[in-house]
Protein backbone atom coordinates (compact mmCIF):
# COMPACT_ATOMS: atom_id res chain seq x y z
CA MET A 1 93.79 121.72 99.07
CA THR A 2 96.58 120.48 100.80
CA ASN A 3 97.65 116.88 101.83
CA ALA A 4 100.67 118.12 103.69
CA ARG A 5 101.15 115.91 106.91
CA SER A 6 102.53 118.99 108.41
CA THR A 7 99.79 121.11 107.88
CA LYS A 8 97.46 118.30 109.39
CA ALA A 9 99.67 117.96 112.39
CA THR A 10 99.92 121.71 113.15
CA LEU A 11 96.15 122.05 112.85
CA TRP A 12 95.93 118.78 115.53
CA PHE A 13 98.00 120.31 117.85
CA SER A 14 96.52 123.70 117.77
CA SER A 15 92.92 121.57 118.66
CA THR A 16 94.79 120.07 121.81
CA LEU A 17 95.40 124.25 122.92
CA THR A 18 91.51 124.34 123.27
CA VAL A 19 91.32 121.34 125.63
CA MET A 20 94.30 122.48 127.59
CA ALA A 21 92.39 125.88 128.56
CA GLY A 22 90.25 124.18 131.34
CA ALA A 23 92.09 120.95 132.12
CA THR A 24 95.66 121.48 132.78
CA ILE A 25 95.11 124.00 135.69
CA SER A 26 91.97 121.94 137.27
CA PRO A 27 94.54 119.80 139.94
CA SER A 28 95.61 123.17 140.80
CA VAL A 29 92.18 124.05 142.12
CA PRO A 30 92.12 122.93 145.69
CA LEU A 31 95.86 124.52 146.11
CA MET A 32 94.80 127.92 144.96
CA GLN A 33 91.58 127.88 147.29
CA GLU A 34 93.94 127.80 150.32
CA VAL A 35 96.30 130.53 148.81
CA PHE A 36 93.34 132.72 148.19
CA SER A 37 91.41 131.48 151.40
CA ASP A 38 91.52 134.75 152.89
CA LEU A 39 89.44 136.53 150.09
CA PRO A 40 85.56 136.21 150.29
CA ASN A 41 83.72 133.92 148.20
CA ALA A 42 87.15 132.36 147.61
CA ALA A 43 85.96 129.12 146.22
CA LEU A 44 83.44 130.75 143.83
CA LEU A 45 86.22 133.10 142.63
CA VAL A 46 88.86 130.24 142.02
CA GLY A 47 86.03 127.95 140.60
CA LEU A 48 85.48 131.05 137.97
CA LEU A 49 88.91 130.48 136.91
CA LEU A 50 87.96 127.25 135.32
CA THR A 51 84.80 127.94 133.74
CA LEU A 52 85.12 131.61 132.82
CA PRO A 53 87.30 130.84 129.73
CA GLY A 54 84.61 128.95 128.47
CA LEU A 55 81.97 131.89 128.50
CA PHE A 56 84.48 133.91 127.12
CA ILE A 57 85.30 131.20 124.07
CA ALA A 58 81.24 131.35 123.55
CA LEU A 59 81.17 135.14 123.63
CA GLY A 60 84.37 135.56 121.41
CA SER A 61 83.20 133.02 118.65
CA VAL A 62 80.52 134.63 117.61
CA VAL A 63 82.49 137.71 116.79
CA VAL A 64 85.68 135.73 115.29
CA GLY A 65 83.57 134.12 112.37
CA PRO A 66 82.63 137.12 110.60
CA ILE A 67 85.89 138.63 110.93
CA ILE A 68 87.83 135.44 109.45
CA ASP A 69 85.68 135.52 106.41
CA ARG A 70 86.53 139.23 105.94
CA ARG A 71 90.16 139.40 106.88
CA GLY A 72 91.55 135.66 106.30
CA ARG A 73 92.23 133.03 108.54
CA LEU A 74 95.85 132.80 109.46
CA ARG A 75 96.19 136.45 111.10
CA THR A 76 93.37 135.81 113.19
CA LEU A 77 94.80 132.26 114.76
CA PHE A 78 98.43 133.47 114.89
CA ILE A 79 97.10 136.54 117.00
CA GLY A 80 94.87 133.88 118.94
CA LEU A 81 98.36 131.84 119.37
CA VAL A 82 100.09 134.74 120.88
CA ILE A 83 97.22 135.74 123.32
CA TYR A 84 96.77 132.21 124.27
CA ALA A 85 100.60 132.22 125.42
CA VAL A 86 100.17 135.43 127.25
CA ALA A 87 96.91 134.98 128.90
CA GLY A 88 97.57 131.60 129.73
CA THR A 89 100.89 131.87 131.51
CA SER A 90 99.49 134.46 133.45
CA GLY A 91 99.09 132.68 136.75
CA LEU A 92 103.18 132.52 136.51
CA TYR A 93 103.61 136.19 137.55
CA LEU A 94 100.28 137.20 138.78
CA ASP A 95 99.17 137.39 142.22
CA ASN A 96 95.73 138.97 142.20
CA ILE A 97 92.73 136.92 141.96
CA TRP A 98 90.71 139.74 139.72
CA LEU A 99 93.89 139.78 137.57
CA LEU A 100 93.99 136.42 137.08
CA LEU A 101 90.33 136.17 135.91
CA ALA A 102 90.94 139.00 133.81
CA GLY A 103 94.02 136.83 132.44
CA ARG A 104 91.61 133.75 132.16
CA GLY A 105 88.55 135.75 130.43
CA LEU A 106 91.53 136.62 127.59
CA LEU A 107 92.75 133.40 127.26
CA GLY A 108 89.05 132.54 126.14
CA VAL A 109 89.14 134.88 123.51
CA GLY A 110 92.32 133.61 122.35
CA VAL A 111 90.66 129.55 122.67
CA ALA A 112 87.85 131.48 120.35
CA MET A 113 90.45 132.49 117.86
CA ILE A 114 92.25 129.47 117.47
CA MET A 115 89.18 126.94 117.61
CA THR A 116 87.11 128.81 115.05
CA VAL A 117 89.93 129.25 112.49
CA VAL A 118 91.24 125.57 112.76
CA VAL A 119 87.80 124.03 112.26
CA THR A 120 86.94 126.30 109.37
CA LEU A 121 90.55 125.50 107.79
CA ALA A 122 89.56 121.87 107.96
CA GLY A 123 86.93 122.94 105.47
CA ASP A 124 89.19 125.41 103.52
CA TYR A 125 91.98 122.51 102.92
CA PHE A 126 90.09 119.66 102.80
CA GLU A 127 86.73 117.58 101.13
CA GLY A 128 85.08 114.54 101.13
CA ALA A 129 86.61 111.35 103.03
CA GLU A 130 89.67 113.60 103.83
CA GLN A 131 87.55 116.16 105.56
CA LYS A 132 85.80 113.16 107.27
CA SER A 133 89.47 111.48 108.46
CA PHE A 134 90.53 114.96 109.54
CA VAL A 135 88.00 116.09 111.72
CA GLY A 136 88.15 111.93 113.44
CA ILE A 137 91.66 112.36 114.17
CA GLN A 138 91.29 115.78 115.37
CA GLY A 139 88.67 114.49 118.00
CA VAL A 140 91.06 111.81 118.62
CA PHE A 141 93.74 114.39 119.42
CA MET A 142 91.47 116.53 121.56
CA ALA A 143 90.59 113.51 123.82
CA ALA A 144 94.00 111.91 124.00
CA GLY A 145 94.91 115.67 124.85
CA GLY A 146 92.73 115.99 127.53
CA VAL A 147 94.01 113.01 129.40
CA VAL A 148 97.52 114.14 128.75
CA PHE A 149 96.87 117.43 130.18
CA VAL A 150 95.13 116.44 133.43
CA LEU A 151 97.74 114.13 134.21
CA LEU A 152 100.35 116.88 133.39
CA GLY A 153 98.58 119.60 135.16
CA GLY A 154 98.50 116.98 138.34
CA PHE A 155 102.45 116.40 138.18
CA LEU A 156 103.12 119.97 138.06
CA ALA A 157 100.84 120.93 140.53
CA ASP A 158 102.93 119.02 143.12
CA VAL A 159 105.73 121.17 142.37
CA GLY A 160 103.80 124.52 142.88
CA TRP A 161 99.75 125.83 142.04
CA ARG A 162 101.66 128.29 139.39
CA MET A 163 103.47 125.66 137.63
CA PRO A 164 100.39 124.49 135.66
CA PHE A 165 100.12 127.69 133.72
CA ALA A 166 103.63 127.29 132.47
CA VAL A 167 102.12 124.55 129.92
CA TYR A 168 100.41 127.54 128.11
CA GLY A 169 103.47 128.82 126.45
CA ALA A 170 103.46 125.74 124.16
CA SER A 171 101.06 127.74 121.90
CA ILE A 172 104.46 129.61 121.03
CA LEU A 173 105.93 126.60 119.48
CA VAL A 174 102.55 125.95 117.56
CA LEU A 175 102.95 129.80 116.35
CA VAL A 176 106.24 128.97 115.00
CA VAL A 177 105.61 125.75 113.10
CA GLY A 178 102.45 127.37 111.83
CA PHE A 179 104.21 129.85 110.02
CA ARG A 180 106.05 127.52 108.07
CA THR A 181 103.14 124.91 107.49
CA LEU A 182 99.87 126.47 106.84
CA LYS A 183 98.94 128.59 103.91
CA GLU A 184 95.89 131.34 103.74
CA PRO A 185 93.24 129.54 101.52
CA ASP A 186 92.98 131.27 98.20
CA ARG A 187 90.48 134.30 98.43
CA SER A 188 89.23 134.18 95.35
CA GLN A 189 87.94 130.62 95.97
CA VAL A 190 86.12 131.49 99.27
CA GLN A 191 84.61 134.19 97.67
CA GLU A 192 83.42 132.29 94.62
CA GLY A 193 81.93 130.04 97.10
CA ALA A 194 79.30 132.83 97.90
CA ALA A 195 77.94 132.22 94.11
CA GLU A 196 77.26 128.41 94.50
CA GLY A 197 74.59 128.94 97.49
CA GLY A 198 75.34 127.28 100.70
CA GLY A 199 73.74 130.02 102.86
CA TRP A 200 71.65 129.53 105.89
CA THR A 201 68.99 127.30 106.50
CA TRP A 202 66.48 125.84 109.04
CA VAL A 203 69.41 122.71 109.68
CA HIS A 204 71.71 125.20 110.73
CA ARG A 205 69.49 126.36 113.56
CA VAL A 206 68.73 122.71 114.50
CA LEU A 207 72.48 121.94 114.37
CA TYR A 208 73.17 124.88 116.79
CA LEU A 209 70.51 123.95 119.38
CA THR A 210 71.77 120.24 119.10
CA ALA A 211 75.06 121.30 119.75
CA ILE A 212 73.73 122.91 123.16
CA LEU A 213 71.88 120.19 124.14
CA SER A 214 74.42 117.18 123.32
CA ILE A 215 77.42 119.26 125.05
CA ILE A 216 74.95 119.61 128.11
CA VAL A 217 74.43 115.94 128.38
CA PHE A 218 78.17 114.99 127.45
CA TYR A 219 79.97 117.54 130.28
CA THR A 220 77.56 115.84 132.93
CA MET A 221 80.18 113.18 132.93
CA PRO A 222 83.42 115.19 133.77
CA LEU A 223 81.01 117.06 136.49
CA GLN A 224 79.61 114.58 138.15
CA VAL A 225 82.00 111.62 138.04
CA PRO A 226 84.14 112.33 140.65
CA TYR A 227 81.20 112.62 142.62
CA LEU A 228 79.68 109.45 141.65
CA VAL A 229 83.22 107.62 142.39
CA LYS A 230 82.38 108.73 145.93
CA GLU A 231 79.23 107.63 146.05
CA LEU A 232 80.58 104.05 145.73
CA GLY A 233 82.53 104.71 148.81
CA ILE A 234 86.15 105.33 146.80
CA THR A 235 87.82 108.40 148.53
CA GLU A 236 90.99 108.55 146.89
CA ASN A 237 90.98 111.36 144.05
CA LYS A 238 93.23 109.53 141.75
CA TYR A 239 89.91 106.61 140.76
CA GLY A 240 87.92 109.62 139.55
CA GLY A 241 90.56 110.73 137.61
CA ILE A 242 91.06 107.13 135.86
CA ALA A 243 87.39 106.89 135.10
CA LEU A 244 87.27 110.71 133.46
CA ALA A 245 90.45 109.15 131.69
CA LEU A 246 88.50 106.24 130.38
CA VAL A 247 85.77 108.51 128.82
CA MET A 248 88.57 110.24 126.89
CA MET A 249 90.31 107.01 126.10
CA GLY A 250 86.79 105.70 124.55
CA GLY A 251 86.60 108.98 122.58
CA ALA A 252 89.66 108.34 121.50
CA ILE A 253 89.24 105.28 119.75
CA SER A 254 85.98 106.04 118.23
CA GLY A 255 87.34 109.06 116.77
CA LEU A 256 89.65 106.64 114.84
CA PHE A 257 86.53 105.13 113.16
CA TYR A 258 84.66 108.28 112.19
CA LYS A 259 85.73 108.35 108.86
CA ARG A 260 84.57 104.87 107.96
CA LEU A 261 81.54 105.27 110.02
CA ARG A 262 80.54 108.43 108.25
CA MET A 263 81.18 106.97 104.85
CA ARG A 264 78.59 104.74 105.35
CA PHE A 265 75.96 106.71 107.78
CA SER A 266 74.85 109.82 107.41
CA ALA A 267 75.32 112.67 109.86
CA PRO A 268 71.76 112.57 111.24
CA THR A 269 72.34 108.79 111.76
CA LEU A 270 75.35 108.96 113.59
CA LEU A 271 73.85 111.70 115.69
CA PHE A 272 71.24 109.30 116.59
CA PHE A 273 73.71 106.75 117.64
CA THR A 274 75.67 109.15 120.00
CA MET A 275 73.10 110.64 121.69
CA LEU A 276 71.55 107.08 122.20
CA PHE A 277 74.61 105.46 123.40
CA MET A 278 75.91 108.70 125.57
CA GLY A 279 72.36 107.88 127.33
CA VAL A 280 72.35 104.28 127.74
CA GLY A 281 76.02 104.70 129.27
CA LEU A 282 74.76 107.07 131.78
CA VAL A 283 71.75 105.34 132.42
CA PHE A 284 73.85 102.58 132.96
CA THR A 285 75.73 104.50 136.14
CA HIS A 286 72.47 104.40 137.77
CA TYR A 287 72.53 100.47 138.19
CA ALA A 288 76.46 100.50 138.67
CA ASP A 289 77.01 99.32 142.37
CA THR A 290 80.83 98.66 141.95
CA TYR A 291 83.75 100.64 140.23
CA LEU A 292 84.42 98.07 137.53
CA ALA A 293 80.35 98.68 136.77
CA LEU A 294 80.83 102.25 136.56
CA LEU A 295 83.99 101.96 134.19
CA GLN A 296 81.90 99.93 131.89
CA ALA A 297 79.40 102.28 131.81
CA LEU A 298 81.15 105.66 131.24
CA PHE A 299 83.40 103.84 128.51
CA VAL A 300 80.25 103.34 126.84
CA ALA A 301 79.54 106.89 127.06
CA GLY A 302 82.91 107.75 126.19
CA LEU A 303 82.87 105.93 122.84
CA ALA A 304 79.41 107.77 121.71
CA ALA A 305 80.66 110.58 122.82
CA GLY A 306 83.84 110.46 120.57
CA LEU A 307 81.88 110.98 117.61
CA LEU A 308 79.93 113.99 118.63
CA MET A 309 82.63 116.93 118.07
CA PRO A 310 83.68 115.33 114.52
CA ASN A 311 80.05 114.88 113.31
CA LEU A 312 79.13 118.57 114.29
CA SER A 313 82.22 119.61 112.95
CA ASN A 314 82.12 117.56 109.55
CA TRP A 315 78.25 118.50 109.10
CA ILE A 316 78.80 122.01 109.38
CA LEU A 317 81.41 122.35 107.04
CA GLU A 318 80.02 120.10 104.47
CA MET A 319 76.40 122.26 104.29
CA THR A 320 78.01 125.84 104.26
CA ALA A 321 79.62 127.64 101.71
CA PRO A 322 83.27 128.83 102.00
CA ALA A 323 82.01 132.30 102.13
CA ILE A 324 80.01 131.93 105.53
CA ARG A 325 81.99 129.39 106.41
CA GLY A 326 84.04 131.15 109.28
CA LYS A 327 80.69 132.79 110.65
CA ALA A 328 78.82 129.25 110.48
CA VAL A 329 81.69 127.36 112.37
CA GLY A 330 82.09 130.47 114.77
CA LEU A 331 78.36 129.96 115.85
CA MET A 332 78.81 126.51 116.04
CA THR A 333 81.71 126.94 118.74
CA SER A 334 79.55 129.28 120.69
CA MET A 335 76.89 127.07 121.21
CA ILE A 336 79.55 124.16 122.07
CA PHE A 337 80.78 126.20 125.22
CA LEU A 338 77.40 127.93 125.81
CA GLY A 339 76.33 123.93 126.25
CA GLN A 340 79.60 123.25 128.35
CA PHE A 341 78.38 126.52 130.71
CA LEU A 342 74.78 125.64 131.14
CA SER A 343 75.62 121.68 132.04
CA PRO A 344 76.09 122.82 135.71
CA PHE A 345 72.80 124.49 135.82
CA VAL A 346 71.06 121.39 134.74
CA SER A 347 72.92 118.58 136.44
CA ASN A 348 73.30 120.00 139.52
CA PRO A 349 69.68 120.72 140.33
CA LEU A 350 68.59 117.34 139.38
CA LYS A 351 71.51 115.89 141.79
CA GLN A 352 70.26 117.92 144.55
CA ALA A 353 66.72 117.13 143.87
CA PHE A 354 66.99 113.56 143.08
CA GLY A 355 70.41 112.26 143.97
CA ILE A 356 73.18 111.72 142.00
CA THR A 357 72.66 108.71 139.76
CA ALA A 358 69.05 109.42 139.32
CA GLY A 359 69.73 112.66 138.16
CA LEU A 360 72.40 110.93 135.70
CA GLN A 361 69.38 108.57 134.81
CA ILE A 362 67.10 111.56 133.85
CA ILE A 363 69.68 113.26 131.95
CA GLY A 364 70.52 109.41 130.03
CA ILE A 365 67.02 109.10 129.55
CA ALA A 366 66.40 112.45 128.03
CA SER A 367 69.54 111.87 125.75
CA MET A 368 67.92 108.62 124.35
CA LEU A 369 64.52 110.37 123.38
CA LEU A 370 66.37 113.31 121.71
CA SER A 371 68.43 110.77 119.59
CA VAL A 372 64.96 109.44 118.26
CA LEU A 373 64.19 112.46 116.48
CA PHE A 374 67.26 112.46 114.46
CA ILE A 375 65.73 109.46 113.21
CA ILE A 376 62.18 110.38 112.77
CA PHE A 377 63.25 113.85 110.91
CA HIS A 378 66.27 111.87 109.06
CA LYS A 379 65.05 112.87 105.78
CA PRO A 380 65.09 116.35 105.88
CA LEU A 381 67.99 116.72 108.15
CA SER A 382 69.88 115.09 105.58
CA THR A 383 68.71 117.59 102.59
CA PRO A 384 70.35 119.58 101.82
CA VAL A 385 73.46 118.53 103.06
CA THR A 386 75.87 120.38 100.69
CA PRO A 387 76.46 124.14 99.47
CA MET A 388 75.53 122.97 95.75
CA GLN A 389 72.26 121.38 97.15
CA VAL A 390 71.33 124.38 98.75
CA ALA A 391 71.81 126.47 95.89
CA GLY A 392 69.67 123.86 93.82
CA GLN A 393 67.02 124.30 95.77
CA ARG A 394 67.20 128.15 95.61
CA GLN A 395 67.25 127.89 91.73
CA GLY A 396 64.41 125.58 91.55
């Protein structure tokens, strides 16, 4: 275990790289569509530059988890940071759309390595209240990073469509600092964890399914908010950006309080509040007839969403033994990005069938109904919550 602030800071900044993967180049999409406009299906291909990393993160995380359990954490992290830099900056020098897509897919592999290792190290380095504090602040960094990188990408896109790709080179700085501040966890302690139990339970399966469903709900906001703003008659794109930034800001605020909330409430109870108020926020967008009312609804949803990632991370770490922690976290990472990939396949058909506000209302109601299950099944979901409790159940 370590209390070094430099170690925590390195892991927190590493976490922001996962948000950067998509956010940084999003302002360049219209420009890239112009550059590649002579190609068939140009809009689809350019859109894939945004979404393809998520698919490769989902696929790659499943492979990365077992590898870091067998071969250690830091080697995979450092390789992932190098891949991130090389693949992420490919837009600076590649002109072929297919090579760009290959680079974006490889970027997804790098993100899978980084995200899986960072969350796993949170379980290796920290326990109890310190772990809850770490994942809460991690959520703050990721939310704040989403705001910063979108804004930075917008400024750089004004210089040229290639310039936002340069930001991905920041992973080299994290790599250099990581060599100095991070230490490989004691492998003997990890192997001893296998004897303590903490194996697979039905709660793991519930958590993975919950991750998919909750992320589908959450990613409805970045997908549909720009269209919501235009429904109000506001045509300037910056107001859609401000609305999304407010969602992220709400998430950053609630992340600061995650440790305090988690010390008072169980993980299932917090998930109940998260899904309930994300749903409430989405339902309220249906009744928002002014821009200010829309911002208020989105802020409520953002506050709730800020608890989602810390709670999922902390819950999976608490109930999983060190010997299989990487595999468990890798699967969780995969489910999160699978939910992100599936989200437009849920929200877009609803938007087309019922209209954007009614579609969001349906998703919001579904989220509220899902939240009730975490109260109904609170007791079994809360037991077991630690590796030792799982072991005790098996021995009994």
